[in-house]
Amino acid sequence: MYEYIYGILVELNPNYAVIDCNGVGWLINISLYTFSKLEGSKNAKLYVQPVIREDAQLLYGFFDKNEREIFKLLCSVSGIGPNTARIILSSMNPEELKTAIQSEDVNSVKRIKGIGAKTAQRLVIELKDKMDKIGIDISSSTQGNATKTTANPNREEALAALVMLGYPKNIAEKSLDTAIKTNPAMSTEDLIKYALKHS
């Protein structure tokens, strides 16, 4: 199967990227972490993981192999599907998630939207030892970009991303409005992360 796709980054939003590879446009589902890494890029290389369902054939893409490996581990846990795994990786970057699981920080994991106490405990129990095999470079995993923090928040882009992730529009709007009141300078990425943790 495909290992990665490299090409011209034609379209990018917090939920997916479109990469033109030799005239073929690949629509690839991504996490907020990968989105933050691709912002401002003209070309993109995403490590991919296909997900085959009865009604669809989907591609999930990742900025690095470690994020992809964590995605696979998350999907191996009962009750965690690809979209939930993507929400988890949008709420916490790979280093944060690895640290939370290895330190058995169930409270941090269950703060993620859609993850209850039992699921959080199951994630910690099943993945604690498996996370040891994933080596993450903290410097490459931390999010944030000095140029983005000065940008005006894009509420509409954040709202569209949350709705595509399955959030009711009215709930997403309330969370985003609260986030903007808290900090009007929030970037699109920060707005989405806030809503994922507080809606």
N, C-alpha and C. Protein backbone atom coordinates (compact mmCIF):
# COMPACT_ATOMS: atom_id res chain seq x y z
N MET A 1 0.85 -1.18 0.00
CA MET A 1 0.00 0.00 0.00
C MET A 1 0.89 1.24 0.00
N TYR A 2 0.27 2.39 -0.08
CA TYR A 2 1.03 3.64 -0.13
C TYR A 2 1.75 3.92 1.19
N GLU A 3 2.97 4.42 1.09
CA GLU A 3 3.73 4.83 2.27
C GLU A 3 3.53 6.32 2.52
N TYR A 4 3.67 7.11 1.47
CA TYR A 4 3.45 8.55 1.60
C TYR A 4 3.04 9.12 0.25
N ILE A 5 2.49 10.32 0.29
CA ILE A 5 2.14 11.05 -0.93
C ILE A 5 2.82 12.41 -0.86
N TYR A 6 3.52 12.75 -1.92
CA TYR A 6 4.23 14.02 -1.98
C TYR A 6 3.79 14.78 -3.23
N GLY A 7 3.53 16.06 -3.07
CA GLY A 7 3.16 16.85 -4.23
C GLY A 7 2.84 18.29 -3.85
N ILE A 8 2.16 18.96 -4.75
CA ILE A 8 1.79 20.36 -4.54
C ILE A 8 0.59 20.43 -3.60
N LEU A 9 0.70 21.25 -2.60
CA LEU A 9 -0.40 21.43 -1.65
C LEU A 9 -1.42 22.40 -2.27
N VAL A 10 -2.49 21.84 -2.81
CA VAL A 10 -3.50 22.62 -3.52
C VAL A 10 -4.49 23.27 -2.57
N GLU A 11 -4.87 22.54 -1.53
CA GLU A 11 -5.86 23.05 -0.58
C GLU A 11 -5.53 22.53 0.81
N LEU A 12 -5.74 23.39 1.80
CA LEU A 12 -5.46 23.00 3.18
C LEU A 12 -6.48 23.63 4.11
N ASN A 13 -7.13 22.79 4.92
CA ASN A 13 -7.96 23.30 6.00
C ASN A 13 -7.76 22.38 7.20
N PRO A 14 -8.31 22.72 8.36
CA PRO A 14 -8.01 21.92 9.55
C PRO A 14 -8.45 20.46 9.49
N ASN A 15 -9.28 20.08 8.53
CA ASN A 15 -9.74 18.69 8.45
C ASN A 15 -9.10 17.87 7.35
N TYR A 16 -8.70 18.52 6.27
CA TYR A 16 -8.13 17.75 5.16
C TYR A 16 -7.19 18.60 4.32
N ALA A 17 -6.37 17.89 3.56
CA ALA A 17 -5.49 18.54 2.60
C ALA A 17 -5.71 17.90 1.24
N VAL A 18 -5.54 18.68 0.19
CA VAL A 18 -5.59 18.15 -1.17
C VAL A 18 -4.19 18.32 -1.76
N ILE A 19 -3.59 17.20 -2.15
CA ILE A 19 -2.24 17.21 -2.70
C ILE A 19 -2.30 16.76 -4.15
N ASP A 20 -1.76 17.59 -5.03
CA ASP A 20 -1.67 17.26 -6.45
C ASP A 20 -0.36 16.50 -6.67
N CYS A 21 -0.49 15.23 -7.01
CA CYS A 21 0.67 14.39 -7.28
C CYS A 21 0.59 13.89 -8.72
N ASN A 22 1.40 14.50 -9.58
CA ASN A 22 1.41 14.14 -11.01
C ASN A 22 0.02 14.23 -11.65
N GLY A 23 -0.68 15.29 -11.31
CA GLY A 23 -1.98 15.52 -11.95
C GLY A 23 -3.16 14.85 -11.28
N VAL A 24 -2.91 14.09 -10.22
CA VAL A 24 -3.99 13.45 -9.48
C VAL A 24 -4.14 14.16 -8.14
N GLY A 25 -5.34 14.61 -7.83
CA GLY A 25 -5.58 15.30 -6.57
C GLY A 25 -6.02 14.33 -5.49
N TRP A 26 -5.21 14.19 -4.47
CA TRP A 26 -5.52 13.29 -3.36
C TRP A 26 -6.13 14.07 -2.20
N LEU A 27 -7.34 13.69 -1.80
CA LEU A 27 -7.98 14.30 -0.63
C LEU A 27 -7.62 13.44 0.57
N ILE A 28 -6.90 14.05 1.52
CA ILE A 28 -6.36 13.30 2.64
C ILE A 28 -6.85 13.93 3.95
N ASN A 29 -7.49 13.13 4.78
CA ASN A 29 -7.95 13.59 6.09
C ASN A 29 -6.75 13.78 7.01
N ILE A 30 -6.73 14.90 7.74
CA ILE A 30 -5.59 15.20 8.60
C ILE A 30 -6.05 15.65 9.98
N SER A 31 -5.11 15.65 10.91
CA SER A 31 -5.38 16.16 12.26
C SER A 31 -4.99 17.64 12.32
N LEU A 32 -5.38 18.26 13.40
CA LEU A 32 -5.01 19.67 13.61
C LEU A 32 -3.50 19.82 13.76
N TYR A 33 -2.85 18.82 14.32
CA TYR A 33 -1.40 18.83 14.45
C TYR A 33 -0.74 18.92 13.08
N THR A 34 -1.17 18.05 12.16
CA THR A 34 -0.61 18.07 10.80
C THR A 34 -0.95 19.36 10.09
N PHE A 35 -2.17 19.84 10.27
CA PHE A 35 -2.57 21.12 9.68
C PHE A 35 -1.61 22.22 10.10
N SER A 36 -1.28 22.27 11.39
CA SER A 36 -0.40 23.33 11.89
C SER A 36 1.00 23.23 11.30
N LYS A 37 1.43 22.01 10.99
CA LYS A 37 2.76 21.82 10.41
C LYS A 37 2.80 22.18 8.93
N LEU A 38 1.66 22.09 8.25
CA LEU A 38 1.62 22.33 6.81
C LEU A 38 1.31 23.78 6.44
N GLU A 39 0.79 24.55 7.38
CA GLU A 39 0.40 25.93 7.08
C GLU A 39 1.56 26.70 6.47
N GLY A 40 1.28 27.37 5.36
CA GLY A 40 2.29 28.18 4.68
C GLY A 40 3.15 27.41 3.70
N SER A 41 2.95 26.09 3.59
CA SER A 41 3.76 25.27 2.69
C SER A 41 3.19 25.26 1.28
N LYS A 42 4.06 25.17 0.29
CA LYS A 42 3.62 25.03 -1.10
C LYS A 42 3.54 23.57 -1.51
N ASN A 43 4.43 22.78 -0.95
CA ASN A 43 4.44 21.34 -1.21
C ASN A 43 4.22 20.60 0.11
N ALA A 44 3.79 19.36 0.02
CA ALA A 44 3.53 18.59 1.23
C ALA A 44 3.87 17.13 1.01
N LYS A 45 4.37 16.53 2.07
CA LYS A 45 4.62 15.08 2.10
C LYS A 45 3.88 14.52 3.30
N LEU A 46 2.90 13.68 3.06
CA LEU A 46 2.12 13.11 4.15
C LEU A 46 2.25 11.59 4.14
N TYR A 47 2.56 11.04 5.29
CA TYR A 47 2.55 9.58 5.46
C TYR A 47 1.09 9.16 5.61
N VAL A 48 0.68 8.19 4.83
CA VAL A 48 -0.76 7.90 4.75
C VAL A 48 -1.12 6.55 5.35
N GLN A 49 -2.37 6.49 5.76
CA GLN A 49 -2.96 5.26 6.28
C GLN A 49 -4.34 5.12 5.65
N PRO A 50 -4.55 4.11 4.81
CA PRO A 50 -5.87 3.93 4.20
C PRO A 50 -6.86 3.33 5.19
N VAL A 51 -8.11 3.76 5.09
CA VAL A 51 -9.19 3.19 5.89
C VAL A 51 -10.29 2.79 4.92
N ILE A 52 -10.53 1.49 4.84
CA ILE A 52 -11.52 0.97 3.89
C ILE A 52 -12.80 0.62 4.64
N ARG A 53 -13.90 1.24 4.21
CA ARG A 53 -15.20 0.94 4.78
C ARG A 53 -16.12 0.45 3.67
N GLU A 54 -17.27 -0.05 4.04
CA GLU A 54 -18.23 -0.54 3.04
C GLU A 54 -18.68 0.58 2.12
N ASP A 55 -18.81 1.79 2.69
CA ASP A 55 -19.36 2.90 1.91
C ASP A 55 -18.32 3.90 1.45
N ALA A 56 -17.05 3.69 1.80
CA ALA A 56 -16.04 4.69 1.42
C ALA A 56 -14.63 4.13 1.55
N GLN A 57 -13.73 4.70 0.75
CA GLN A 57 -12.30 4.41 0.87
C GLN A 57 -11.62 5.73 1.20
N LEU A 58 -11.07 5.83 2.40
CA LEU A 58 -10.52 7.08 2.89
C LEU A 58 -9.02 7.00 3.09
N LEU A 59 -8.39 8.15 3.00
CA LEU A 59 -6.96 8.26 3.31
C LEU A 59 -6.79 9.22 4.46
N TYR A 60 -6.04 8.81 5.46
CA TYR A 60 -5.65 9.68 6.56
C TYR A 60 -4.16 9.95 6.41
N GLY A 61 -3.79 11.22 6.55
CA GLY A 61 -2.39 11.60 6.35
C GLY A 61 -1.79 12.22 7.58
N PHE A 62 -0.47 12.06 7.71
CA PHE A 62 0.23 12.49 8.92
C PHE A 62 1.54 13.16 8.57
N PHE A 63 1.87 14.19 9.33
CA PHE A 63 3.09 14.95 9.07
C PHE A 63 4.34 14.09 9.27
N ASP A 64 4.29 13.16 10.22
CA ASP A 64 5.45 12.29 10.43
C ASP A 64 4.99 10.87 10.76
N LYS A 65 5.93 9.94 10.74
CA LYS A 65 5.61 8.54 10.96
C LYS A 65 5.13 8.28 12.38
N ASN A 66 5.64 9.04 13.34
CA ASN A 66 5.24 8.83 14.72
C ASN A 66 3.76 9.11 14.93
N GLU A 67 3.28 10.19 14.30
CA GLU A 67 1.86 10.49 14.43
C GLU A 67 1.03 9.37 13.82
N ARG A 68 1.49 8.84 12.69
CA ARG A 68 0.77 7.73 12.05
C ARG A 68 0.74 6.50 12.95
N GLU A 69 1.87 6.19 13.58
CA GLU A 69 1.92 5.03 14.46
C GLU A 69 0.97 5.19 15.65
N ILE A 70 0.90 6.41 16.20
CA ILE A 70 -0.02 6.66 17.31
C ILE A 70 -1.46 6.52 16.84
N PHE A 71 -1.75 7.00 15.63
CA PHE A 71 -3.09 6.86 15.04
C PHE A 71 -3.47 5.37 14.96
N LYS A 72 -2.55 4.54 14.50
CA LYS A 72 -2.81 3.11 14.40
C LYS A 72 -3.07 2.50 15.77
N LEU A 73 -2.27 2.91 16.75
CA LEU A 73 -2.46 2.39 18.11
C LEU A 73 -3.81 2.80 18.66
N LEU A 74 -4.19 4.05 18.43
CA LEU A 74 -5.49 4.52 18.91
C LEU A 74 -6.63 3.71 18.29
N CYS A 75 -6.52 3.45 16.99
CA CYS A 75 -7.57 2.71 16.28
C CYS A 75 -7.64 1.25 16.72
N SER A 76 -6.57 0.74 17.34
CA SER A 76 -6.55 -0.65 17.81
C SER A 76 -7.34 -0.82 19.11
N VAL A 77 -7.66 0.29 19.75
CA VAL A 77 -8.40 0.24 21.02
C VAL A 77 -9.90 0.14 20.73
N SER A 78 -10.57 -0.77 21.41
CA SER A 78 -12.00 -0.96 21.20
C SER A 78 -12.76 0.34 21.45
N GLY A 79 -13.63 0.70 20.51
CA GLY A 79 -14.44 1.90 20.65
C GLY A 79 -13.82 3.14 20.04
N ILE A 80 -12.58 3.04 19.55
CA ILE A 80 -11.90 4.18 18.93
C ILE A 80 -11.81 3.94 17.43
N GLY A 81 -12.55 4.74 16.66
CA GLY A 81 -12.48 4.65 15.21
C GLY A 81 -11.55 5.71 14.66
N PRO A 82 -11.37 5.74 13.33
CA PRO A 82 -10.45 6.70 12.72
C PRO A 82 -10.79 8.16 13.02
N ASN A 83 -12.07 8.51 13.01
CA ASN A 83 -12.42 9.91 13.25
C ASN A 83 -12.18 10.31 14.70
N THR A 84 -12.47 9.40 15.63
CA THR A 84 -12.18 9.68 17.03
C THR A 84 -10.68 9.80 17.26
N ALA A 85 -9.92 8.93 16.61
CA ALA A 85 -8.45 8.99 16.72
C ALA A 85 -7.95 10.33 16.20
N ARG A 86 -8.55 10.82 15.13
CA ARG A 86 -8.14 12.11 14.58
C ARG A 86 -8.49 13.25 15.54
N ILE A 87 -9.65 13.17 16.19
CA ILE A 87 -10.03 14.18 17.17
C ILE A 87 -9.04 14.19 18.34
N ILE A 88 -8.63 13.00 18.76
CA ILE A 88 -7.66 12.90 19.86
C ILE A 88 -6.35 13.58 19.45
N LEU A 89 -5.89 13.32 18.23
CA LEU A 89 -4.64 13.91 17.75
C LEU A 89 -4.79 15.39 17.42
N SER A 90 -6.02 15.86 17.32
CA SER A 90 -6.26 17.28 17.13
C SER A 90 -6.33 18.01 18.46
N SER A 91 -6.62 17.26 19.52
CA SER A 91 -6.72 17.85 20.85
C SER A 91 -5.38 17.89 21.57
N MET A 92 -4.55 16.89 21.30
CA MET A 92 -3.23 16.81 21.92
C MET A 92 -2.22 16.44 20.84
N ASN A 93 -1.06 17.10 20.82
CA ASN A 93 -0.07 16.71 19.84
C ASN A 93 0.55 15.38 20.25
N PRO A 94 1.29 14.71 19.36
CA PRO A 94 1.81 13.38 19.68
C PRO A 94 2.61 13.30 20.97
N GLU A 95 3.44 14.29 21.23
CA GLU A 95 4.23 14.27 22.46
C GLU A 95 3.35 14.39 23.70
N GLU A 96 2.37 15.30 23.65
CA GLU A 96 1.47 15.47 24.79
C GLU A 96 0.68 14.19 25.07
N LEU A 97 0.20 13.55 24.01
CA LEU A 97 -0.59 12.34 24.17
C LEU A 97 0.26 11.20 24.71
N LYS A 98 1.45 11.06 24.16
CA LYS A 98 2.35 10.01 24.64
C LYS A 98 2.66 10.20 26.12
N THR A 99 2.97 11.44 26.50
CA THR A 99 3.28 11.74 27.90
C THR A 99 2.09 11.44 28.81
N ALA A 100 0.90 11.85 28.38
CA ALA A 100 -0.31 11.62 29.19
C ALA A 100 -0.57 10.14 29.40
N ILE A 101 -0.41 9.35 28.35
CA ILE A 101 -0.67 7.91 28.45
C ILE A 101 0.39 7.23 29.30
N GLN A 102 1.64 7.56 29.07
CA GLN A 102 2.71 6.91 29.82
C GLN A 102 2.70 7.29 31.30
N SER A 103 2.24 8.49 31.60
CA SER A 103 2.17 8.91 33.01
C SER A 103 0.82 8.57 33.64
N GLU A 104 -0.01 7.85 32.87
CA GLU A 104 -1.34 7.43 33.33
C GLU A 104 -2.20 8.62 33.75
N ASP A 105 -2.10 9.68 32.99
CA ASP A 105 -2.87 10.90 33.26
C ASP A 105 -4.25 10.78 32.61
N VAL A 106 -5.11 10.00 33.23
CA VAL A 106 -6.44 9.73 32.69
C VAL A 106 -7.25 11.01 32.58
N ASN A 107 -7.09 11.92 33.54
CA ASN A 107 -7.88 13.16 33.53
C ASN A 107 -7.63 13.99 32.27
N SER A 108 -6.37 14.07 31.84
CA SER A 108 -6.06 14.84 30.62
C SER A 108 -6.69 14.19 29.40
N VAL A 109 -6.66 12.86 29.34
CA VAL A 109 -7.22 12.15 28.19
C VAL A 109 -8.73 12.28 28.15
N LYS A 110 -9.39 12.19 29.29
CA LYS A 110 -10.86 12.23 29.28
C LYS A 110 -11.41 13.64 29.06
N ARG A 111 -10.55 14.65 29.10
CA ARG A 111 -11.01 16.01 28.77
C ARG A 111 -11.24 16.18 27.28
N ILE A 112 -10.73 15.25 26.47
CA ILE A 112 -10.94 15.30 25.03
C ILE A 112 -12.41 15.02 24.72
N LYS A 113 -13.00 15.82 23.85
CA LYS A 113 -14.40 15.67 23.50
C LYS A 113 -14.69 14.26 22.99
N GLY A 114 -15.71 13.61 23.57
CA GLY A 114 -16.10 12.29 23.12
C GLY A 114 -15.38 11.15 23.82
N ILE A 115 -14.43 11.47 24.70
CA ILE A 115 -13.70 10.43 25.43
C ILE A 115 -14.15 10.45 26.89
N GLY A 116 -14.85 9.40 27.28
CA GLY A 116 -15.31 9.31 28.66
C GLY A 116 -14.25 8.69 29.55
N ALA A 117 -14.57 8.57 30.83
CA ALA A 117 -13.61 8.06 31.81
C ALA A 117 -13.19 6.62 31.48
N LYS A 118 -14.15 5.77 31.12
CA LYS A 118 -13.83 4.37 30.83
C LYS A 118 -12.94 4.24 29.60
N THR A 119 -13.26 5.01 28.56
CA THR A 119 -12.44 4.95 27.35
C THR A 119 -11.04 5.48 27.61
N ALA A 120 -10.95 6.54 28.40
CA ALA A 120 -9.64 7.11 28.75
C ALA A 120 -8.80 6.09 29.51
N GLN A 121 -9.43 5.40 30.45
CA GLN A 121 -8.71 4.38 31.21
C GLN A 121 -8.27 3.24 30.30
N ARG A 122 -9.13 2.86 29.37
CA ARG A 122 -8.79 1.78 28.45
C ARG A 122 -7.62 2.18 27.55
N LEU A 123 -7.62 3.43 27.10
CA LEU A 123 -6.51 3.92 26.29
C LEU A 123 -5.19 3.84 27.05
N VAL A 124 -5.21 4.27 28.30
CA VAL A 124 -3.99 4.27 29.12
C VAL A 124 -3.51 2.84 29.36
N ILE A 125 -4.43 1.96 29.73
CA ILE A 125 -4.06 0.58 30.05
C ILE A 125 -3.51 -0.15 28.82
N GLU A 126 -4.20 0.00 27.69
CA GLU A 126 -3.81 -0.76 26.50
C GLU A 126 -2.60 -0.19 25.77
N LEU A 127 -2.37 1.11 25.89
CA LEU A 127 -1.32 1.73 25.08
C LEU A 127 -0.08 2.15 25.86
N LYS A 128 -0.12 2.08 27.18
CA LYS A 128 1.00 2.57 27.99
C LYS A 128 2.33 1.94 27.55
N ASP A 129 2.38 0.62 27.50
CA ASP A 129 3.63 -0.05 27.14
C ASP A 129 3.96 0.10 25.65
N LYS A 130 2.92 0.14 24.82
CA LYS A 130 3.15 0.26 23.37
C LYS A 130 3.74 1.61 22.99
N MET A 131 3.45 2.64 23.77
CA MET A 131 3.97 3.98 23.48
C MET A 131 5.50 4.04 23.62
N ASP A 132 6.06 3.10 24.40
CA ASP A 132 7.52 3.09 24.58
C ASP A 132 8.26 2.89 23.26
N LYS A 133 7.61 2.22 22.34
CA LYS A 133 8.25 1.91 21.06
C LYS A 133 8.27 3.10 20.11
N ILE A 134 7.53 4.16 20.46
CA ILE A 134 7.45 5.33 19.59
C ILE A 134 8.35 6.42 20.14
N GLY A 135 9.40 6.74 19.39
CA GLY A 135 10.32 7.79 19.81
C GLY A 135 9.93 9.10 19.17
N ILE A 136 9.63 10.09 20.00
CA ILE A 136 9.17 11.38 19.47
C ILE A 136 10.17 12.47 19.80
N ASP A 137 10.53 13.22 18.78
CA ASP A 137 11.40 14.38 18.99
C ASP A 137 10.54 15.54 19.45
N ILE A 138 10.73 15.94 20.72
CA ILE A 138 9.88 16.97 21.30
C ILE A 138 9.92 18.26 20.48
N SER A 139 11.09 18.61 19.97
CA SER A 139 11.21 19.87 19.23
C SER A 139 10.40 19.88 17.96
N SER A 140 10.20 18.69 17.36
CA SER A 140 9.42 18.64 16.12
C SER A 140 7.94 18.43 16.39
N SER A 141 7.59 18.05 17.62
CA SER A 141 6.20 17.77 17.94
C SER A 141 5.47 18.94 18.54
N THR A 142 6.19 19.85 19.16
CA THR A 142 5.51 20.97 19.80
C THR A 142 4.89 21.85 18.74
N GLN A 143 3.70 22.33 19.03
CA GLN A 143 2.98 23.15 18.07
C GLN A 143 3.22 24.61 18.36
N GLY A 144 2.84 25.42 17.41
CA GLY A 144 2.92 26.86 17.64
C GLY A 144 3.84 27.50 16.63
N ASN A 145 3.48 28.70 16.25
CA ASN A 145 4.26 29.42 15.27
C ASN A 145 4.13 30.89 15.60
N ALA A 146 5.24 31.55 15.74
CA ALA A 146 5.21 32.94 16.19
C ALA A 146 4.40 33.83 15.26
N THR A 147 4.41 33.48 13.98
CA THR A 147 3.69 34.34 13.04
C THR A 147 2.19 34.12 13.13
N LYS A 148 1.78 32.93 13.62
CA LYS A 148 0.35 32.66 13.67
C LYS A 148 -0.33 33.35 14.84
N THR A 149 0.40 33.55 15.93
CA THR A 149 -0.24 34.10 17.11
C THR A 149 -0.68 35.54 16.91
N THR A 150 -0.07 36.22 15.93
CA THR A 150 -0.45 37.59 15.70
C THR A 150 -1.59 37.70 14.69
N ALA A 151 -1.94 36.59 14.07
CA ALA A 151 -2.98 36.63 13.06
C ALA A 151 -4.35 36.71 13.71
N ASN A 152 -5.29 37.28 12.99
CA ASN A 152 -6.66 37.35 13.50
C ASN A 152 -7.27 35.95 13.49
N PRO A 153 -8.05 35.61 14.49
CA PRO A 153 -8.67 34.29 14.52
C PRO A 153 -9.68 34.14 13.39
N ASN A 154 -9.73 32.95 12.80
CA ASN A 154 -10.67 32.71 11.71
C ASN A 154 -11.80 31.85 12.23
N ARG A 155 -12.82 32.50 12.75
CA ARG A 155 -13.94 31.79 13.37
C ARG A 155 -14.66 30.88 12.38
N GLU A 156 -14.86 31.37 11.16
CA GLU A 156 -15.62 30.58 10.18
C GLU A 156 -14.88 29.31 9.79
N GLU A 157 -13.56 29.43 9.64
CA GLU A 157 -12.77 28.25 9.28
C GLU A 157 -12.81 27.23 10.42
N ALA A 158 -12.68 27.73 11.65
CA ALA A 158 -12.73 26.85 12.81
C ALA A 158 -14.11 26.18 12.92
N LEU A 159 -15.16 26.95 12.68
CA LEU A 159 -16.51 26.42 12.76
C LEU A 159 -16.72 25.33 11.72
N ALA A 160 -16.28 25.57 10.50
CA ALA A 160 -16.43 24.58 9.42
C ALA A 160 -15.70 23.29 9.77
N ALA A 161 -14.52 23.43 10.35
CA ALA A 161 -13.74 22.25 10.73
C ALA A 161 -14.44 21.44 11.81
N LEU A 162 -14.99 22.12 12.80
CA LEU A 162 -15.67 21.43 13.90
C LEU A 162 -16.94 20.73 13.41
N VAL A 163 -17.68 21.38 12.52
CA VAL A 163 -18.89 20.76 11.98
C VAL A 163 -18.53 19.51 11.17
N MET A 164 -17.43 19.59 10.42
CA MET A 164 -17.00 18.42 9.64
C MET A 164 -16.56 17.28 10.55
N LEU A 165 -16.09 17.60 11.74
CA LEU A 165 -15.69 16.58 12.71
C LEU A 165 -16.90 15.97 13.43
N GLY A 166 -18.08 16.53 13.17
CA GLY A 166 -19.30 15.96 13.73
C GLY A 166 -19.90 16.72 14.89
N TYR A 167 -19.40 17.93 15.14
CA TYR A 167 -19.94 18.71 16.25
C TYR A 167 -21.20 19.46 15.81
N PRO A 168 -22.24 19.50 16.66
CA PRO A 168 -23.42 20.30 16.34
C PRO A 168 -23.01 21.77 16.17
N LYS A 169 -23.55 22.40 15.16
CA LYS A 169 -23.12 23.76 14.83
C LYS A 169 -23.35 24.73 15.99
N ASN A 170 -24.51 24.63 16.65
CA ASN A 170 -24.81 25.59 17.72
C ASN A 170 -23.84 25.45 18.90
N ILE A 171 -23.47 24.21 19.22
CA ILE A 171 -22.52 23.99 20.32
C ILE A 171 -21.14 24.50 19.94
N ALA A 172 -20.74 24.23 18.69
CA ALA A 172 -19.43 24.70 18.22
C ALA A 172 -19.37 26.22 18.24
N GLU A 173 -20.46 26.87 17.81
CA GLU A 173 -20.49 28.34 17.79
C GLU A 173 -20.33 28.91 19.19
N LYS A 174 -21.02 28.33 20.17
CA LYS A 174 -20.91 28.83 21.54
C LYS A 174 -19.50 28.69 22.07
N SER A 175 -18.86 27.54 21.79
CA SER A 175 -17.49 27.32 22.26
C SER A 175 -16.53 28.31 21.62
N LEU A 176 -16.71 28.55 20.33
CA LEU A 176 -15.82 29.48 19.62
C LEU A 176 -16.01 30.90 20.12
N ASP A 177 -17.25 31.29 20.36
CA ASP A 177 -17.51 32.64 20.87
C ASP A 177 -16.89 32.84 22.25
N THR A 178 -16.98 31.79 23.08
CA THR A 178 -16.36 31.85 24.41
C THR A 178 -14.85 31.97 24.28
N ALA A 179 -14.28 31.21 23.35
CA ALA A 179 -12.83 31.23 23.14
C ALA A 179 -12.36 32.62 22.70
N ILE A 180 -13.12 33.23 21.80
CA ILE A 180 -12.75 34.56 21.28
C ILE A 180 -12.85 35.61 22.39
N LYS A 181 -13.85 35.47 23.26
CA LYS A 181 -13.96 36.40 24.39
C LYS A 181 -12.78 36.24 25.34
N THR A 182 -12.35 34.99 25.50
CA THR A 182 -11.21 34.70 26.39
C THR A 182 -9.93 35.29 25.83
N ASN A 183 -9.73 35.12 24.51
CA ASN A 183 -8.52 35.62 23.87
C ASN A 183 -8.82 35.94 22.41
N PRO A 184 -9.09 37.20 22.08
CA PRO A 184 -9.44 37.58 20.71
C PRO A 184 -8.33 37.30 19.68
N ALA A 185 -7.12 37.07 20.15
CA ALA A 185 -5.99 36.85 19.22
C ALA A 185 -5.76 35.38 18.89
N MET A 186 -6.68 34.52 19.29
CA MET A 186 -6.50 33.09 19.02
C MET A 186 -6.46 32.79 17.53
N SER A 187 -5.55 31.90 17.14
CA SER A 187 -5.47 31.46 15.75
C SER A 187 -6.57 30.43 15.48
N THR A 188 -6.76 30.07 14.23
CA THR A 188 -7.75 29.04 13.89
C THR A 188 -7.45 27.76 14.65
N GLU A 189 -6.19 27.37 14.67
CA GLU A 189 -5.78 26.15 15.37
C GLU A 189 -6.14 26.20 16.85
N ASP A 190 -5.84 27.34 17.49
CA ASP A 190 -6.11 27.48 18.92
C ASP A 190 -7.62 27.47 19.20
N LEU A 191 -8.39 28.10 18.31
CA LEU A 191 -9.84 28.10 18.48
C LEU A 191 -10.39 26.67 18.44
N ILE A 192 -9.92 25.89 17.49
CA ILE A 192 -10.41 24.50 17.36
C ILE A 192 -10.01 23.69 18.59
N LYS A 193 -8.77 23.84 19.04
CA LYS A 193 -8.31 23.10 20.20
C LYS A 193 -9.13 23.48 21.44
N TYR A 194 -9.44 24.75 21.58
CA TYR A 194 -10.25 25.20 22.71
C TYR A 194 -11.63 24.53 22.66
N ALA A 195 -12.25 24.57 21.47
CA ALA A 195 -13.59 23.99 21.33
C ALA A 195 -13.57 22.48 21.57
N LEU A 196 -12.53 21.79 21.12
CA LEU A 196 -12.44 20.35 21.31
C LEU A 196 -12.36 19.99 22.80
N LYS A 197 -11.80 20.88 23.59
CA LYS A 197 -11.62 20.58 25.01
C LYS A 197 -12.74 21.14 25.89
N HIS A 198 -13.52 22.09 25.36
CA HIS A 198 -14.52 22.74 26.21
C HIS A 198 -15.96 22.62 25.76
N SER A 199 -16.19 22.05 24.59
CA SER A 199 -17.59 21.96 24.11
C SER A 199 -18.23 20.67 24.58
